[in-house]
Amino acid sequence: MTDFLTNADHWRKRAELTRALAATAAKDQGRLLKVAEEYDRLAALAEVRRSAMVPSGYVPAGRPE
């Protein structure tokens, strides 16, 4: 299963699909574009979250295993 909290590609793809939908929508184009911006924001947060993840098995110095 994909972890959506750290999968920036998932959110970028959703933003791309939402923009494509907005391009063909007769109504609510502005709303759809705002949703796409939020997906881009989630992608950026996912990248930060992924880069901040601690490797499995990591034990901080001075702490017992």
PDB file of N, CA and C in Angstrom:
ATOM      1  N   MET A   1       0.841  -1.196   0.000  1.00  0.00           N
ATOM      2  CA  MET A   1       0.000   0.000   0.000  1.00  0.00           C
ATOM      3  C   MET A   1       0.877   1.247   0.000  1.00  0.00           C
ATOM      4  N   THR A   2       0.464   2.226  -0.748  1.00  0.00           N
ATOM      5  CA  THR A   2       1.219   3.467  -0.863  1.00  0.00           C
ATOM      6  C   THR A   2       0.929   4.374   0.320  1.00  0.00           C
ATOM      7  N   ASP A   3       1.979   4.976   0.844  1.00  0.00           N
ATOM      8  CA  ASP A   3       1.812   5.930   1.932  1.00  0.00           C
ATOM      9  C   ASP A   3       1.622   7.317   1.324  1.00  0.00           C
ATOM     10  N   PHE A   4       0.404   7.803   1.300  1.00  0.00           N
ATOM     11  CA  PHE A   4       0.095   9.073   0.656  1.00  0.00           C
ATOM     12  C   PHE A   4       0.715  10.260   1.374  1.00  0.00           C
ATOM     13  N   LEU A   5       1.097  10.086   2.627  1.00  0.00           N
ATOM     14  CA  LEU A   5       1.715  11.184   3.356  1.00  0.00           C
ATOM     15  C   LEU A   5       3.117  11.491   2.853  1.00  0.00           C
ATOM     16  N   THR A   6       3.770  10.514   2.225  1.00  0.00           N
ATOM     17  CA  THR A   6       5.134  10.729   1.745  1.00  0.00           C
ATOM     18  C   THR A   6       5.258  10.520   0.239  1.00  0.00           C
ATOM     19  N   ASN A   7       4.147  10.367  -0.479  1.00  0.00           N
ATOM     20  CA  ASN A   7       4.182  10.108  -1.910  1.00  0.00           C
ATOM     21  C   ASN A   7       3.813  11.377  -2.680  1.00  0.00           C
ATOM     22  N   ALA A   8       4.823  12.191  -2.967  1.00  0.00           N
ATOM     23  CA  ALA A   8       4.596  13.459  -3.661  1.00  0.00           C
ATOM     24  C   ALA A   8       4.080  13.230  -5.079  1.00  0.00           C
ATOM     25  N   ASP A   9       4.512  12.159  -5.722  1.00  0.00           N
ATOM     26  CA  ASP A   9       4.066  11.878  -7.091  1.00  0.00           C
ATOM     27  C   ASP A   9       2.551  11.672  -7.159  1.00  0.00           C
ATOM     28  N   HIS A  10       1.996  11.053  -6.144  1.00  0.00           N
ATOM     29  CA  HIS A  10       0.544  10.846  -6.088  1.00  0.00           C
ATOM     30  C   HIS A  10      -0.187  12.188  -6.143  1.00  0.00           C
ATOM     31  N   TRP A  11       0.258  13.142  -5.319  1.00  0.00           N
ATOM     32  CA  TRP A  11      -0.412  14.440  -5.250  1.00  0.00           C
ATOM     33  C   TRP A  11      -0.176  15.262  -6.512  1.00  0.00           C
ATOM     34  N   ARG A  12       1.023  15.157  -7.108  1.00  0.00           N
ATOM     35  CA  ARG A  12       1.275  15.872  -8.365  1.00  0.00           C
ATOM     36  C   ARG A  12       0.380  15.353  -9.482  1.00  0.00           C
ATOM     37  N   LYS A  13       0.196  14.039  -9.536  1.00  0.00           N
ATOM     38  CA  LYS A  13      -0.665  13.441 -10.554  1.00  0.00           C
ATOM     39  C   LYS A  13      -2.108  13.924 -10.369  1.00  0.00           C
ATOM     40  N   ARG A  14      -2.562  13.972  -9.131  1.00  0.00           N
ATOM     41  CA  ARG A  14      -3.920  14.465  -8.868  1.00  0.00           C
ATOM     42  C   ARG A  14      -4.071  15.923  -9.287  1.00  0.00           C
ATOM     43  N   ALA A  15      -3.034  16.729  -9.030  1.00  0.00           N
ATOM     44  CA  ALA A  15      -3.070  18.138  -9.445  1.00  0.00           C
ATOM     45  C   ALA A  15      -3.158  18.238 -10.961  1.00  0.00           C
ATOM     46  N   GLU A  16      -2.373  17.419 -11.652  1.00  0.00           N
ATOM     47  CA  GLU A  16      -2.387  17.418 -13.115  1.00  0.00           C
ATOM     48  C   GLU A  16      -3.767  17.033 -13.655  1.00  0.00           C
ATOM     49  N   LEU A  17      -4.358  16.000 -13.093  1.00  0.00           N
ATOM     50  CA  LEU A  17      -5.681  15.560 -13.539  1.00  0.00           C
ATOM     51  C   LEU A  17      -6.752  16.614 -13.240  1.00  0.00           C
ATOM     52  N   THR A  18      -6.625  17.276 -12.110  1.00  0.00           N
ATOM     53  CA  THR A  18      -7.596  18.307 -11.740  1.00  0.00           C
ATOM     54  C   THR A  18      -7.488  19.511 -12.671  1.00  0.00           C
ATOM     55  N   ARG A  19      -6.254  19.875 -13.042  1.00  0.00           N
ATOM     56  CA  ARG A  19      -6.082  20.983 -13.993  1.00  0.00           C
ATOM     57  C   ARG A  19      -6.664  20.622 -15.362  1.00  0.00           C
ATOM     58  N   ALA A  20      -6.487  19.381 -15.773  1.00  0.00           N
ATOM     59  CA  ALA A  20      -7.060  18.944 -17.052  1.00  0.00           C
ATOM     60  C   ALA A  20      -8.585  19.019 -16.999  1.00  0.00           C
ATOM     61  N   LEU A  21      -9.150  18.627 -15.873  1.00  0.00           N
ATOM     62  CA  LEU A  21     -10.597  18.712 -15.696  1.00  0.00           C
ATOM     63  C   LEU A  21     -11.051  20.173 -15.717  1.00  0.00           C
ATOM     64  N   ALA A  22     -10.285  21.042 -15.074  1.00  0.00           N
ATOM     65  CA  ALA A  22     -10.635  22.466 -15.048  1.00  0.00           C
ATOM     66  C   ALA A  22     -10.609  23.067 -16.447  1.00  0.00           C
ATOM     67  N   ALA A  23      -9.694  22.592 -17.277  1.00  0.00           N
ATOM     68  CA  ALA A  23      -9.579  23.127 -18.635  1.00  0.00           C
ATOM     69  C   ALA A  23     -10.812  22.812 -19.481  1.00  0.00           C
ATOM     70  N   THR A  24     -11.509  21.736 -19.142  1.00  0.00           N
ATOM     71  CA  THR A  24     -12.687  21.342 -19.915  1.00  0.00           C
ATOM     72  C   THR A  24     -14.004  21.647 -19.200  1.00  0.00           C
ATOM     73  N   ALA A  25     -13.923  22.131 -17.995  1.00  0.00           N
ATOM     74  CA  ALA A  25     -15.135  22.376 -17.210  1.00  0.00           C
ATOM     75  C   ALA A  25     -15.811  23.672 -17.646  1.00  0.00           C
ATOM     76  N   ALA A  26     -17.109  23.623 -17.732  1.00  0.00           N
ATOM     77  CA  ALA A  26     -17.874  24.818 -18.081  1.00  0.00           C
ATOM     78  C   ALA A  26     -18.088  25.689 -16.844  1.00  0.00           C
ATOM     79  N   LYS A  27     -18.153  25.038 -15.692  1.00  0.00           N
ATOM     80  CA  LYS A  27     -18.376  25.750 -14.439  1.00  0.00           C
ATOM     81  C   LYS A  27     -17.278  25.383 -13.453  1.00  0.00           C
ATOM     82  N   ASP A  28     -17.103  26.202 -12.464  1.00  0.00           N
ATOM     83  CA  ASP A  28     -16.212  25.940 -11.336  1.00  0.00           C
ATOM     84  C   ASP A  28     -14.744  25.760 -11.710  1.00  0.00           C
ATOM     85  N   GLN A  29     -14.289  26.395 -12.783  1.00  0.00           N
ATOM     86  CA  GLN A  29     -12.879  26.293 -13.151  1.00  0.00           C
ATOM     87  C   GLN A  29     -11.980  26.834 -12.042  1.00  0.00           C
ATOM     88  N   GLY A  30     -12.366  27.953 -11.486  1.00  0.00           N
ATOM     89  CA  GLY A  30     -11.572  28.560 -10.414  1.00  0.00           C
ATOM     90  C   GLY A  30     -11.456  27.657  -9.210  1.00  0.00           C
ATOM     91  N   ARG A  31     -12.550  27.040  -8.851  1.00  0.00           N
ATOM     92  CA  ARG A  31     -12.556  26.132  -7.705  1.00  0.00           C
ATOM     93  C   ARG A  31     -11.652  24.928  -7.970  1.00  0.00           C
ATOM     94  N   LEU A  32     -11.728  24.376  -9.171  1.00  0.00           N
ATOM     95  CA  LEU A  32     -10.886  23.223  -9.514  1.00  0.00           C
ATOM     96  C   LEU A  32      -9.404  23.601  -9.516  1.00  0.00           C
ATOM     97  N   LEU A  33      -9.090  24.797  -9.994  1.00  0.00           N
ATOM     98  CA  LEU A  33      -7.697  25.239  -9.989  1.00  0.00           C
ATOM     99  C   LEU A  33      -7.180  25.423  -8.564  1.00  0.00           C
ATOM    100  N   LYS A  34      -8.038  25.876  -7.664  1.00  0.00           N
ATOM    101  CA  LYS A  34      -7.649  25.984  -6.253  1.00  0.00           C
ATOM    102  C   LYS A  34      -7.386  24.604  -5.650  1.00  0.00           C
ATOM    103  N   VAL A  35      -8.204  23.639  -6.013  1.00  0.00           N
ATOM    104  CA  VAL A  35      -7.991  22.265  -5.544  1.00  0.00           C
ATOM    105  C   VAL A  35      -6.646  21.747  -6.064  1.00  0.00           C
ATOM    106  N   ALA A  36      -6.342  22.025  -7.323  1.00  0.00           N
ATOM    107  CA  ALA A  36      -5.065  21.603  -7.901  1.00  0.00           C
ATOM    108  C   ALA A  36      -3.896  22.249  -7.149  1.00  0.00           C
ATOM    109  N   GLU A  37      -4.029  23.500  -6.775  1.00  0.00           N
ATOM    110  CA  GLU A  37      -2.986  24.168  -5.989  1.00  0.00           C
ATOM    111  C   GLU A  37      -2.794  23.489  -4.641  1.00  0.00           C
ATOM    112  N   GLU A  38      -3.886  23.076  -4.029  1.00  0.00           N
ATOM    113  CA  GLU A  38      -3.789  22.369  -2.751  1.00  0.00           C
ATOM    114  C   GLU A  38      -3.097  21.020  -2.914  1.00  0.00           C
ATOM    115  N   TYR A  39      -3.366  20.338  -4.023  1.00  0.00           N
ATOM    116  CA  TYR A  39      -2.658  19.078  -4.298  1.00  0.00           C
ATOM    117  C   TYR A  39      -1.160  19.335  -4.452  1.00  0.00           C
ATOM    118  N   ASP A  40      -0.792  20.431  -5.119  1.00  0.00           N
ATOM    119  CA  ASP A  40       0.623  20.787  -5.237  1.00  0.00           C
ATOM    120  C   ASP A  40       1.233  21.048  -3.859  1.00  0.00           C
ATOM    121  N   ARG A  41       0.458  21.689  -3.016  1.00  0.00           N
ATOM    122  CA  ARG A  41       0.921  21.959  -1.646  1.00  0.00           C
ATOM    123  C   ARG A  41       1.125  20.656  -0.873  1.00  0.00           C
ATOM    124  N   LEU A  42       0.209  19.726  -1.046  1.00  0.00           N
ATOM    125  CA  LEU A  42       0.353  18.418  -0.397  1.00  0.00           C
ATOM    126  C   LEU A  42       1.585  17.682  -0.924  1.00  0.00           C
ATOM    127  N   ALA A  43       1.880  17.831  -2.206  1.00  0.00           N
ATOM    128  CA  ALA A  43       3.076  17.207  -2.784  1.00  0.00           C
ATOM    129  C   ALA A  43       4.335  17.770  -2.129  1.00  0.00           C
ATOM    130  N   ALA A  44       4.372  19.078  -1.948  1.00  0.00           N
ATOM    131  CA  ALA A  44       5.528  19.705  -1.307  1.00  0.00           C
ATOM    132  C   ALA A  44       5.669  19.222   0.138  1.00  0.00           C
ATOM    133  N   LEU A  45       4.566  19.132   0.837  1.00  0.00           N
ATOM    134  CA  LEU A  45       4.606  18.634   2.214  1.00  0.00           C
ATOM    135  C   LEU A  45       5.038  17.179   2.271  1.00  0.00           C
ATOM    136  N   ALA A  46       4.610  16.382   1.297  1.00  0.00           N
ATOM    137  CA  ALA A  46       5.008  14.977   1.252  1.00  0.00           C
ATOM    138  C   ALA A  46       6.512  14.853   1.047  1.00  0.00           C
ATOM    139  N   GLU A  47       7.090  15.726   0.218  1.00  0.00           N
ATOM    140  CA  GLU A  47       8.540  15.703   0.021  1.00  0.00           C
ATOM    141  C   GLU A  47       9.271  16.030   1.312  1.00  0.00           C
ATOM    142  N   VAL A  48       8.789  17.033   2.023  1.00  0.00           N
ATOM    143  CA  VAL A  48       9.406  17.407   3.295  1.00  0.00           C
ATOM    144  C   VAL A  48       9.283  16.254   4.282  1.00  0.00           C
ATOM    145  N   ARG A  49       8.114  15.663   4.335  1.00  0.00           N
ATOM    146  CA  ARG A  49       7.886  14.566   5.268  1.00  0.00           C
ATOM    147  C   ARG A  49       8.794  13.372   4.952  1.00  0.00           C
ATOM    148  N   ARG A  50       8.940  13.062   3.648  1.00  0.00           N
ATOM    149  CA  ARG A  50       9.789  11.939   3.250  1.00  0.00           C
ATOM    150  C   ARG A  50      11.245  12.207   3.617  1.00  0.00           C
ATOM    151  N   SER A  51      11.705  13.439   3.393  1.00  0.00           N
ATOM    152  CA  SER A  51      13.100  13.762   3.685  1.00  0.00           C
ATOM    153  C   SER A  51      13.369  13.787   5.186  1.00  0.00           C
ATOM    154  N   ALA A  52      12.330  13.983   5.981  1.00  0.00           N
ATOM    155  CA  ALA A  52      12.492  14.040   7.435  1.00  0.00           C
ATOM    156  C   ALA A  52      12.329  12.676   8.099  1.00  0.00           C
ATOM    157  N   MET A  53      11.978  11.668   7.303  1.00  0.00           N
ATOM    158  CA  MET A  53      11.753  10.347   7.891  1.00  0.00           C
ATOM    159  C   MET A  53      13.066   9.766   8.405  1.00  0.00           C
ATOM    160  N   VAL A  54      12.974   9.099   9.519  1.00  0.00           N
ATOM    161  CA  VAL A  54      14.123   8.462  10.134  1.00  0.00           C
ATOM    162  C   VAL A  54      14.229   7.039   9.589  1.00  0.00           C
ATOM    163  N   PRO A  55      15.426   6.619   9.183  1.00  0.00           N
ATOM    164  CA  PRO A  55      15.574   5.249   8.669  1.00  0.00           C
ATOM    165  C   PRO A  55      15.166   4.210   9.710  1.00  0.00           C
ATOM    166  N   SER A  56      14.604   3.101   9.246  1.00  0.00           N
ATOM    167  CA  SER A  56      14.202   2.061  10.181  1.00  0.00           C
ATOM    168  C   SER A  56      15.435   1.490  10.862  1.00  0.00           C
ATOM    169  N   GLY A  57      15.299   1.165  12.121  1.00  0.00           N
ATOM    170  CA  GLY A  57      16.415   0.626  12.893  1.00  0.00           C
ATOM    171  C   GLY A  57      17.291   1.699  13.512  1.00  0.00           C
ATOM    172  N   TYR A  58      16.993   2.960  13.239  1.00  0.00           N
ATOM    173  CA  TYR A  58      17.792   4.058  13.785  1.00  0.00           C
ATOM    174  C   TYR A  58      17.531   4.193  15.278  1.00  0.00           C
ATOM    175  N   VAL A  59      18.622   4.275  16.044  1.00  0.00           N
ATOM    176  CA  VAL A  59      18.517   4.480  17.495  1.00  0.00           C
ATOM    177  C   VAL A  59      19.356   5.695  17.803  1.00  0.00           C
ATOM    178  N   PRO A  60      18.762   6.754  18.352  1.00  0.00           N
ATOM    179  CA  PRO A  60      19.527   7.951  18.684  1.00  0.00           C
ATOM    180  C   PRO A  60      20.626   7.631  19.704  1.00  0.00           C
ATOM    181  N   ALA A  61      21.719   8.331  19.604  1.00  0.00           N
ATOM    182  CA  ALA A  61      22.831   8.136  20.538  1.00  0.00           C
ATOM    183  C   ALA A  61      22.361   8.410  21.963  1.00  0.00           C
ATOM    184  N   GLY A  62      22.820   7.585  22.879  1.00  0.00           N
ATOM    185  CA  GLY A  62      22.479   7.771  24.291  1.00  0.00           C
ATOM    186  C   GLY A  62      21.152   7.149  24.692  1.00  0.00           C
ATOM    187  N   ARG A  63      20.464   6.504  23.767  1.00  0.00           N
ATOM    188  CA  ARG A  63      19.185   5.860  24.096  1.00  0.00           C
ATOM    189  C   ARG A  63      19.346   4.363  23.946  1.00  0.00           C
ATOM    190  N   PRO A  64      18.859   3.622  24.892  1.00  0.00           N
ATOM    191  CA  PRO A  64      18.945   2.154  24.777  1.00  0.00           C
ATOM    192  C   PRO A  64      18.055   1.632  23.661  1.00  0.00           C
ATOM    193  N   GLU A  65      18.466   0.521  23.073  1.00  0.00           N
ATOM    194  CA  GLU A  65      17.674  -0.089  21.996  1.00  0.00           C
ATOM    195  C   GLU A  65      16.493  -0.732  22.545  1.00  0.00           C
TER     196      GLU A  65
END
